[in-house]
Amino acid sequence: MCDYCDCRTRPLLARLGEDHGRILALVGTIERLAATGAGVADAHEPLAELADLLVPHSAAEEVGFYVELALAGIDTEGLSADHGHVDGTVRDAARGDVDAWAVMPQALMALRDHIHREEYDLFPAAHQLLSSEAWDRIDAATPR
């Protein structure tokens, strides 16, 4: 993950970055299972773990962080849409939905791309762009 811009000095970005590492590890596990021809039932455990991780992670990004970025003129609509699509697909697959499992490779690719954009574009930009007051509002709004 990104470490070049010092954005990890922001507690929220450090926490989200740690989540990204856990998310990507689960994505790798699910991708390996899918590559072996495993079915949705075989992947239940990592899918459920991923679904449980995505809920608070997405909420932490959307309730304060994305709001302040939007106020600063950064478009976050596509990132929010990613949350809805990917989180829903993972949640449905964790419940055993075969149709969701069939599109899981595309959803996981979208999730990898989403994390890459945040890590290497959004987090560094936010660290430089947002004021101390904006970070205080983010911290106050973000669930722990």
N, C-alpha and C. Protein backbone atom coordinates (compact mmCIF):
# COMPACT_ATOMS: atom_id res chain seq x y z
N MET A 1 0.83 -1.18 0.00
CA MET A 1 0.00 0.00 0.00
C MET A 1 0.88 1.25 0.00
N CYS A 2 0.24 2.35 -0.24
CA CYS A 2 0.93 3.64 -0.32
C CYS A 2 1.59 4.00 1.00
N ASP A 3 2.81 4.44 0.95
CA ASP A 3 3.50 4.97 2.13
C ASP A 3 4.36 6.18 1.78
N TYR A 4 4.25 6.68 0.57
CA TYR A 4 5.17 7.71 0.12
C TYR A 4 4.76 9.12 0.50
N CYS A 5 3.54 9.36 0.85
CA CYS A 5 3.07 10.74 1.02
C CYS A 5 2.78 11.09 2.47
N ASP A 6 2.97 10.15 3.36
CA ASP A 6 2.73 10.40 4.79
C ASP A 6 1.24 10.48 5.12
N CYS A 7 0.38 10.00 4.22
CA CYS A 7 -1.06 10.09 4.48
C CYS A 7 -1.48 9.18 5.64
N ARG A 8 -0.65 8.20 5.97
CA ARG A 8 -0.98 7.29 7.07
C ARG A 8 -0.87 7.96 8.44
N THR A 9 -0.40 9.21 8.47
CA THR A 9 -0.41 9.94 9.74
C THR A 9 -1.83 10.34 10.12
N ARG A 10 -2.74 10.28 9.17
CA ARG A 10 -4.16 10.51 9.45
C ARG A 10 -4.74 9.20 9.97
N PRO A 11 -5.25 9.17 11.21
CA PRO A 11 -5.72 7.90 11.78
C PRO A 11 -6.76 7.18 10.91
N LEU A 12 -7.68 7.94 10.33
CA LEU A 12 -8.69 7.29 9.48
C LEU A 12 -8.04 6.63 8.27
N LEU A 13 -7.13 7.31 7.63
CA LEU A 13 -6.48 6.73 6.45
C LEU A 13 -5.62 5.53 6.83
N ALA A 14 -5.01 5.57 7.99
CA ALA A 14 -4.24 4.41 8.46
C ALA A 14 -5.17 3.22 8.67
N ARG A 15 -6.31 3.48 9.30
CA ARG A 15 -7.28 2.40 9.55
C ARG A 15 -7.85 1.85 8.25
N LEU A 16 -8.22 2.75 7.33
CA LEU A 16 -8.75 2.29 6.04
C LEU A 16 -7.70 1.52 5.26
N GLY A 17 -6.45 1.95 5.33
CA GLY A 17 -5.37 1.24 4.66
C GLY A 17 -5.17 -0.16 5.23
N GLU A 18 -5.27 -0.29 6.56
CA GLU A 18 -5.19 -1.62 7.17
C GLU A 18 -6.34 -2.49 6.69
N ASP A 19 -7.53 -1.91 6.62
CA ASP A 19 -8.68 -2.65 6.09
C ASP A 19 -8.40 -3.11 4.66
N HIS A 20 -7.81 -2.23 3.86
CA HIS A 20 -7.52 -2.59 2.47
C HIS A 20 -6.62 -3.81 2.40
N GLY A 21 -5.63 -3.89 3.27
CA GLY A 21 -4.76 -5.06 3.30
C GLY A 21 -5.54 -6.32 3.62
N ARG A 22 -6.42 -6.26 4.60
CA ARG A 22 -7.25 -7.43 4.97
C ARG A 22 -8.21 -7.78 3.84
N ILE A 23 -8.80 -6.76 3.23
CA ILE A 23 -9.73 -6.99 2.12
C ILE A 23 -9.01 -7.69 0.97
N LEU A 24 -7.84 -7.19 0.60
CA LEU A 24 -7.11 -7.79 -0.52
C LEU A 24 -6.67 -9.21 -0.23
N ALA A 25 -6.35 -9.52 1.02
CA ALA A 25 -6.01 -10.90 1.39
C ALA A 25 -7.22 -11.81 1.18
N LEU A 26 -8.40 -11.35 1.59
CA LEU A 26 -9.61 -12.14 1.38
C LEU A 26 -9.95 -12.26 -0.10
N VAL A 27 -9.76 -11.20 -0.84
CA VAL A 27 -9.99 -11.23 -2.29
C VAL A 27 -9.11 -12.31 -2.91
N GLY A 28 -7.84 -12.36 -2.53
CA GLY A 28 -6.94 -13.38 -3.05
C GLY A 28 -7.41 -14.79 -2.72
N THR A 29 -7.87 -14.99 -1.52
CA THR A 29 -8.39 -16.30 -1.11
C THR A 29 -9.58 -16.69 -1.96
N ILE A 30 -10.50 -15.77 -2.14
CA ILE A 30 -11.71 -16.05 -2.92
C ILE A 30 -11.35 -16.29 -4.38
N GLU A 31 -10.43 -15.52 -4.92
CA GLU A 31 -10.00 -15.72 -6.31
C GLU A 31 -9.35 -17.09 -6.49
N ARG A 32 -8.54 -17.51 -5.53
CA ARG A 32 -7.92 -18.84 -5.62
C ARG A 32 -8.97 -19.94 -5.57
N LEU A 33 -9.96 -19.78 -4.72
CA LEU A 33 -11.04 -20.77 -4.66
C LEU A 33 -11.78 -20.84 -5.99
N ALA A 34 -12.12 -19.68 -6.53
CA ALA A 34 -12.84 -19.64 -7.80
C ALA A 34 -12.02 -20.27 -8.92
N ALA A 35 -10.71 -20.05 -8.90
CA ALA A 35 -9.83 -20.60 -9.95
C ALA A 35 -9.77 -22.12 -9.91
N THR A 36 -10.04 -22.70 -8.76
CA THR A 36 -10.02 -24.16 -8.65
C THR A 36 -11.37 -24.78 -9.00
N GLY A 37 -12.33 -23.92 -9.33
CA GLY A 37 -13.66 -24.43 -9.67
C GLY A 37 -14.57 -24.57 -8.47
N ALA A 38 -14.18 -24.02 -7.34
CA ALA A 38 -15.02 -24.10 -6.15
C ALA A 38 -16.34 -23.38 -6.38
N GLY A 39 -17.34 -23.84 -5.70
CA GLY A 39 -18.65 -23.20 -5.78
C GLY A 39 -18.85 -22.20 -4.67
N VAL A 40 -19.97 -21.54 -4.69
CA VAL A 40 -20.26 -20.50 -3.72
C VAL A 40 -20.27 -21.07 -2.30
N ALA A 41 -20.74 -22.28 -2.11
CA ALA A 41 -20.76 -22.88 -0.77
C ALA A 41 -19.34 -23.10 -0.25
N ASP A 42 -18.42 -23.46 -1.14
CA ASP A 42 -17.04 -23.68 -0.74
C ASP A 42 -16.35 -22.40 -0.30
N ALA A 43 -16.83 -21.28 -0.78
CA ALA A 43 -16.21 -19.98 -0.48
C ALA A 43 -16.98 -19.21 0.59
N HIS A 44 -17.92 -19.87 1.24
CA HIS A 44 -18.77 -19.17 2.20
C HIS A 44 -17.98 -18.41 3.27
N GLU A 45 -17.02 -19.06 3.88
CA GLU A 45 -16.30 -18.43 5.00
C GLU A 45 -15.57 -17.15 4.60
N PRO A 46 -14.73 -17.17 3.56
CA PRO A 46 -14.07 -15.90 3.21
C PRO A 46 -15.05 -14.86 2.64
N LEU A 47 -16.10 -15.30 1.97
CA LEU A 47 -17.11 -14.35 1.48
C LEU A 47 -17.82 -13.67 2.65
N ALA A 48 -18.19 -14.45 3.66
CA ALA A 48 -18.87 -13.88 4.83
C ALA A 48 -17.95 -12.92 5.57
N GLU A 49 -16.68 -13.31 5.70
CA GLU A 49 -15.72 -12.43 6.37
C GLU A 49 -15.54 -11.13 5.59
N LEU A 50 -15.45 -11.24 4.28
CA LEU A 50 -15.31 -10.05 3.44
C LEU A 50 -16.55 -9.17 3.54
N ALA A 51 -17.72 -9.77 3.47
CA ALA A 51 -18.96 -9.00 3.58
C ALA A 51 -19.02 -8.26 4.91
N ASP A 52 -18.63 -8.94 5.99
CA ASP A 52 -18.65 -8.31 7.32
C ASP A 52 -17.64 -7.18 7.43
N LEU A 53 -16.53 -7.27 6.73
CA LEU A 53 -15.52 -6.22 6.75
C LEU A 53 -15.93 -5.02 5.89
N LEU A 54 -16.58 -5.28 4.76
CA LEU A 54 -16.94 -4.19 3.85
C LEU A 54 -17.98 -3.24 4.43
N VAL A 55 -18.88 -3.75 5.26
CA VAL A 55 -19.96 -2.89 5.79
C VAL A 55 -19.39 -1.72 6.60
N PRO A 56 -18.61 -1.97 7.65
CA PRO A 56 -18.09 -0.82 8.41
C PRO A 56 -17.04 -0.02 7.63
N HIS A 57 -16.31 -0.70 6.76
CA HIS A 57 -15.30 -0.01 5.96
C HIS A 57 -15.96 1.02 5.04
N SER A 58 -16.97 0.59 4.32
CA SER A 58 -17.67 1.51 3.41
C SER A 58 -18.34 2.64 4.18
N ALA A 59 -18.93 2.32 5.32
CA ALA A 59 -19.58 3.35 6.14
C ALA A 59 -18.55 4.38 6.60
N ALA A 60 -17.37 3.92 7.01
CA ALA A 60 -16.34 4.84 7.47
C ALA A 60 -15.90 5.78 6.36
N GLU A 61 -15.89 5.30 5.15
CA GLU A 61 -15.50 6.16 4.02
C GLU A 61 -16.61 7.14 3.65
N GLU A 62 -17.84 6.69 3.69
CA GLU A 62 -18.93 7.48 3.12
C GLU A 62 -19.51 8.54 4.05
N VAL A 63 -19.49 8.33 5.35
CA VAL A 63 -20.22 9.27 6.22
C VAL A 63 -19.48 10.57 6.48
N GLY A 64 -18.18 10.57 6.39
CA GLY A 64 -17.44 11.80 6.61
C GLY A 64 -16.42 12.07 5.53
N PHE A 65 -15.62 11.08 5.24
CA PHE A 65 -14.50 11.24 4.31
C PHE A 65 -14.97 11.65 2.92
N TYR A 66 -15.86 10.87 2.32
CA TYR A 66 -16.33 11.21 0.98
C TYR A 66 -17.10 12.52 0.97
N VAL A 67 -17.80 12.81 2.06
CA VAL A 67 -18.56 14.06 2.15
C VAL A 67 -17.61 15.25 2.06
N GLU A 68 -16.54 15.21 2.84
CA GLU A 68 -15.57 16.32 2.83
C GLU A 68 -14.85 16.40 1.49
N LEU A 69 -14.55 15.27 0.89
CA LEU A 69 -13.92 15.29 -0.43
C LEU A 69 -14.84 15.93 -1.46
N ALA A 70 -16.11 15.60 -1.40
CA ALA A 70 -17.07 16.20 -2.33
C ALA A 70 -17.16 17.71 -2.13
N LEU A 71 -17.15 18.13 -0.88
CA LEU A 71 -17.17 19.57 -0.58
C LEU A 71 -15.92 20.27 -1.12
N ALA A 72 -14.82 19.52 -1.22
CA ALA A 72 -13.58 20.08 -1.75
C ALA A 72 -13.50 19.97 -3.26
N GLY A 73 -14.55 19.45 -3.88
CA GLY A 73 -14.60 19.38 -5.33
C GLY A 73 -14.12 18.07 -5.95
N ILE A 74 -13.92 17.06 -5.13
CA ILE A 74 -13.49 15.75 -5.64
C ILE A 74 -14.73 14.87 -5.82
N ASP A 75 -14.91 14.35 -7.00
CA ASP A 75 -16.06 13.50 -7.30
C ASP A 75 -15.90 12.13 -6.65
N THR A 76 -16.82 11.79 -5.78
CA THR A 76 -16.78 10.50 -5.09
C THR A 76 -17.97 9.61 -5.46
N GLU A 77 -18.79 10.07 -6.40
CA GLU A 77 -19.98 9.30 -6.76
C GLU A 77 -19.64 7.92 -7.29
N GLY A 78 -18.62 7.82 -8.12
CA GLY A 78 -18.22 6.52 -8.65
C GLY A 78 -17.73 5.59 -7.56
N LEU A 79 -17.01 6.13 -6.60
CA LEU A 79 -16.53 5.31 -5.48
C LEU A 79 -17.70 4.81 -4.63
N SER A 80 -18.67 5.68 -4.39
CA SER A 80 -19.86 5.26 -3.65
C SER A 80 -20.64 4.19 -4.42
N ALA A 81 -20.73 4.37 -5.73
CA ALA A 81 -21.41 3.37 -6.55
C ALA A 81 -20.69 2.03 -6.48
N ASP A 82 -19.35 2.06 -6.45
CA ASP A 82 -18.59 0.81 -6.28
C ASP A 82 -19.00 0.11 -5.01
N HIS A 83 -19.14 0.87 -3.93
CA HIS A 83 -19.54 0.26 -2.66
C HIS A 83 -20.87 -0.46 -2.81
N GLY A 84 -21.82 0.21 -3.39
CA GLY A 84 -23.14 -0.42 -3.55
C GLY A 84 -23.08 -1.68 -4.37
N HIS A 85 -22.38 -1.64 -5.48
CA HIS A 85 -22.30 -2.79 -6.38
C HIS A 85 -21.48 -3.93 -5.76
N VAL A 86 -20.26 -3.64 -5.38
CA VAL A 86 -19.37 -4.69 -4.88
C VAL A 86 -19.87 -5.24 -3.55
N ASP A 87 -20.21 -4.37 -2.62
CA ASP A 87 -20.66 -4.84 -1.31
C ASP A 87 -21.91 -5.72 -1.46
N GLY A 88 -22.83 -5.30 -2.33
CA GLY A 88 -24.04 -6.09 -2.54
C GLY A 88 -23.75 -7.45 -3.16
N THR A 89 -22.86 -7.48 -4.13
CA THR A 89 -22.51 -8.75 -4.78
C THR A 89 -21.86 -9.70 -3.79
N VAL A 90 -20.93 -9.19 -3.00
CA VAL A 90 -20.24 -10.02 -2.00
C VAL A 90 -21.25 -10.51 -0.96
N ARG A 91 -22.11 -9.63 -0.48
CA ARG A 91 -23.12 -10.01 0.51
C ARG A 91 -24.05 -11.10 -0.05
N ASP A 92 -24.49 -10.93 -1.29
CA ASP A 92 -25.37 -11.93 -1.90
C ASP A 92 -24.65 -13.27 -2.06
N ALA A 93 -23.41 -13.24 -2.49
CA ALA A 93 -22.65 -14.49 -2.64
C ALA A 93 -22.43 -15.15 -1.28
N ALA A 94 -22.19 -14.36 -0.25
CA ALA A 94 -22.01 -14.91 1.10
C ALA A 94 -23.28 -15.61 1.58
N ARG A 95 -24.41 -15.19 1.06
CA ARG A 95 -25.70 -15.82 1.40
C ARG A 95 -25.99 -17.04 0.53
N GLY A 96 -25.04 -17.34 -0.39
CA GLY A 96 -25.19 -18.53 -1.23
C GLY A 96 -25.79 -18.28 -2.59
N ASP A 97 -25.93 -17.04 -2.99
CA ASP A 97 -26.52 -16.69 -4.28
C ASP A 97 -25.57 -17.10 -5.42
N VAL A 98 -25.98 -18.07 -6.20
CA VAL A 98 -25.16 -18.60 -7.29
C VAL A 98 -24.94 -17.55 -8.38
N ASP A 99 -25.94 -16.72 -8.63
CA ASP A 99 -25.79 -15.67 -9.64
C ASP A 99 -24.73 -14.66 -9.21
N ALA A 100 -24.70 -14.32 -7.93
CA ALA A 100 -23.67 -13.40 -7.43
C ALA A 100 -22.29 -14.05 -7.53
N TRP A 101 -22.20 -15.33 -7.27
CA TRP A 101 -20.92 -16.04 -7.39
C TRP A 101 -20.43 -16.03 -8.83
N ALA A 102 -21.35 -16.11 -9.77
CA ALA A 102 -20.98 -16.12 -11.19
C ALA A 102 -20.33 -14.82 -11.62
N VAL A 103 -20.69 -13.71 -11.00
CA VAL A 103 -20.10 -12.42 -11.35
C VAL A 103 -19.03 -11.97 -10.35
N MET A 104 -18.67 -12.87 -9.44
CA MET A 104 -17.69 -12.52 -8.43
C MET A 104 -16.34 -12.10 -9.02
N PRO A 105 -15.83 -12.75 -10.08
CA PRO A 105 -14.55 -12.29 -10.62
C PRO A 105 -14.57 -10.81 -11.03
N GLN A 106 -15.65 -10.37 -11.65
CA GLN A 106 -15.75 -8.97 -12.05
C GLN A 106 -15.87 -8.06 -10.83
N ALA A 107 -16.62 -8.49 -9.83
CA ALA A 107 -16.78 -7.69 -8.61
C ALA A 107 -15.45 -7.55 -7.88
N LEU A 108 -14.68 -8.64 -7.81
CA LEU A 108 -13.39 -8.59 -7.13
C LEU A 108 -12.39 -7.73 -7.90
N MET A 109 -12.47 -7.77 -9.22
CA MET A 109 -11.61 -6.90 -10.02
C MET A 109 -11.97 -5.43 -9.77
N ALA A 110 -13.26 -5.14 -9.69
CA ALA A 110 -13.71 -3.78 -9.40
C ALA A 110 -13.25 -3.35 -8.01
N LEU A 111 -13.27 -4.28 -7.06
CA LEU A 111 -12.83 -3.98 -5.70
C LEU A 111 -11.33 -3.68 -5.66
N ARG A 112 -10.55 -4.48 -6.38
CA ARG A 112 -9.10 -4.22 -6.45
C ARG A 112 -8.84 -2.83 -7.06
N ASP A 113 -9.55 -2.50 -8.13
CA ASP A 113 -9.38 -1.20 -8.78
C ASP A 113 -9.79 -0.07 -7.84
N HIS A 114 -10.87 -0.25 -7.14
CA HIS A 114 -11.37 0.73 -6.18
C HIS A 114 -10.31 1.02 -5.11
N ILE A 115 -9.75 -0.03 -4.55
CA ILE A 115 -8.72 0.13 -3.52
C ILE A 115 -7.49 0.82 -4.09
N HIS A 116 -7.10 0.45 -5.29
CA HIS A 116 -5.94 1.07 -5.92
C HIS A 116 -6.16 2.58 -6.09
N ARG A 117 -7.35 2.96 -6.56
CA ARG A 117 -7.64 4.39 -6.74
C ARG A 117 -7.59 5.13 -5.41
N GLU A 118 -8.13 4.51 -4.36
CA GLU A 118 -8.10 5.16 -3.06
C GLU A 118 -6.67 5.29 -2.54
N GLU A 119 -5.94 4.19 -2.58
CA GLU A 119 -4.60 4.16 -2.01
C GLU A 119 -3.63 5.11 -2.71
N TYR A 120 -3.68 5.15 -4.01
CA TYR A 120 -2.64 5.86 -4.76
C TYR A 120 -3.08 7.21 -5.32
N ASP A 121 -4.37 7.47 -5.31
CA ASP A 121 -4.87 8.76 -5.79
C ASP A 121 -5.61 9.53 -4.68
N LEU A 122 -6.66 8.92 -4.15
CA LEU A 122 -7.55 9.62 -3.25
C LEU A 122 -6.90 9.93 -1.90
N PHE A 123 -6.28 8.95 -1.25
CA PHE A 123 -5.71 9.19 0.07
C PHE A 123 -4.61 10.25 0.02
N PRO A 124 -3.65 10.15 -0.91
CA PRO A 124 -2.63 11.21 -0.97
C PRO A 124 -3.23 12.59 -1.26
N ALA A 125 -4.21 12.64 -2.16
CA ALA A 125 -4.83 13.93 -2.48
C ALA A 125 -5.56 14.49 -1.26
N ALA A 126 -6.30 13.64 -0.57
CA ALA A 126 -7.04 14.09 0.61
C ALA A 126 -6.09 14.59 1.68
N HIS A 127 -4.99 13.89 1.87
CA HIS A 127 -4.01 14.29 2.88
C HIS A 127 -3.49 15.69 2.60
N GLN A 128 -3.28 16.01 1.34
CA GLN A 128 -2.75 17.32 0.96
C GLN A 128 -3.83 18.40 0.87
N LEU A 129 -5.02 18.02 0.46
CA LEU A 129 -6.06 18.98 0.12
C LEU A 129 -6.93 19.41 1.29
N LEU A 130 -7.29 18.46 2.14
CA LEU A 130 -8.27 18.76 3.19
C LEU A 130 -7.63 19.52 4.35
N SER A 131 -8.38 20.46 4.88
CA SER A 131 -7.91 21.27 6.01
C SER A 131 -7.99 20.48 7.31
N SER A 132 -7.35 21.00 8.32
CA SER A 132 -7.44 20.40 9.66
C SER A 132 -8.88 20.38 10.14
N GLU A 133 -9.62 21.42 9.82
CA GLU A 133 -11.04 21.48 10.22
C GLU A 133 -11.84 20.39 9.52
N ALA A 134 -11.54 20.14 8.25
CA ALA A 134 -12.23 19.07 7.52
C ALA A 134 -11.92 17.72 8.15
N TRP A 135 -10.66 17.49 8.51
CA TRP A 135 -10.29 16.23 9.16
C TRP A 135 -10.98 16.10 10.51
N ASP A 136 -11.13 17.18 11.24
CA ASP A 136 -11.86 17.13 12.52
C ASP A 136 -13.32 16.74 12.28
N ARG A 137 -13.94 17.29 11.23
CA ARG A 137 -15.33 16.91 10.92
C ARG A 137 -15.42 15.45 10.51
N ILE A 138 -14.44 14.99 9.73
CA ILE A 138 -14.41 13.58 9.32
C ILE A 138 -14.31 12.69 10.55
N ASP A 139 -13.39 13.02 11.44
CA ASP A 139 -13.20 12.20 12.64
C ASP A 139 -14.46 12.17 13.50
N ALA A 140 -15.16 13.32 13.59
CA ALA A 140 -16.38 13.38 14.40
C ALA A 140 -17.51 12.57 13.77
N ALA A 141 -17.56 12.52 12.45
CA ALA A 141 -18.66 11.84 11.76
C ALA A 141 -18.44 10.34 11.57
N THR A 142 -17.19 9.91 11.63
CA THR A 142 -16.85 8.53 11.26
C THR A 142 -17.09 7.58 12.42
N PRO A 143 -17.86 6.51 12.16
CA PRO A 143 -18.04 5.51 13.21
C PRO A 143 -16.72 4.81 13.52
N ARG A 144 -16.54 4.45 14.74
CA ARG A 144 -15.30 3.79 15.16
C ARG A 144 -15.37 2.31 15.00
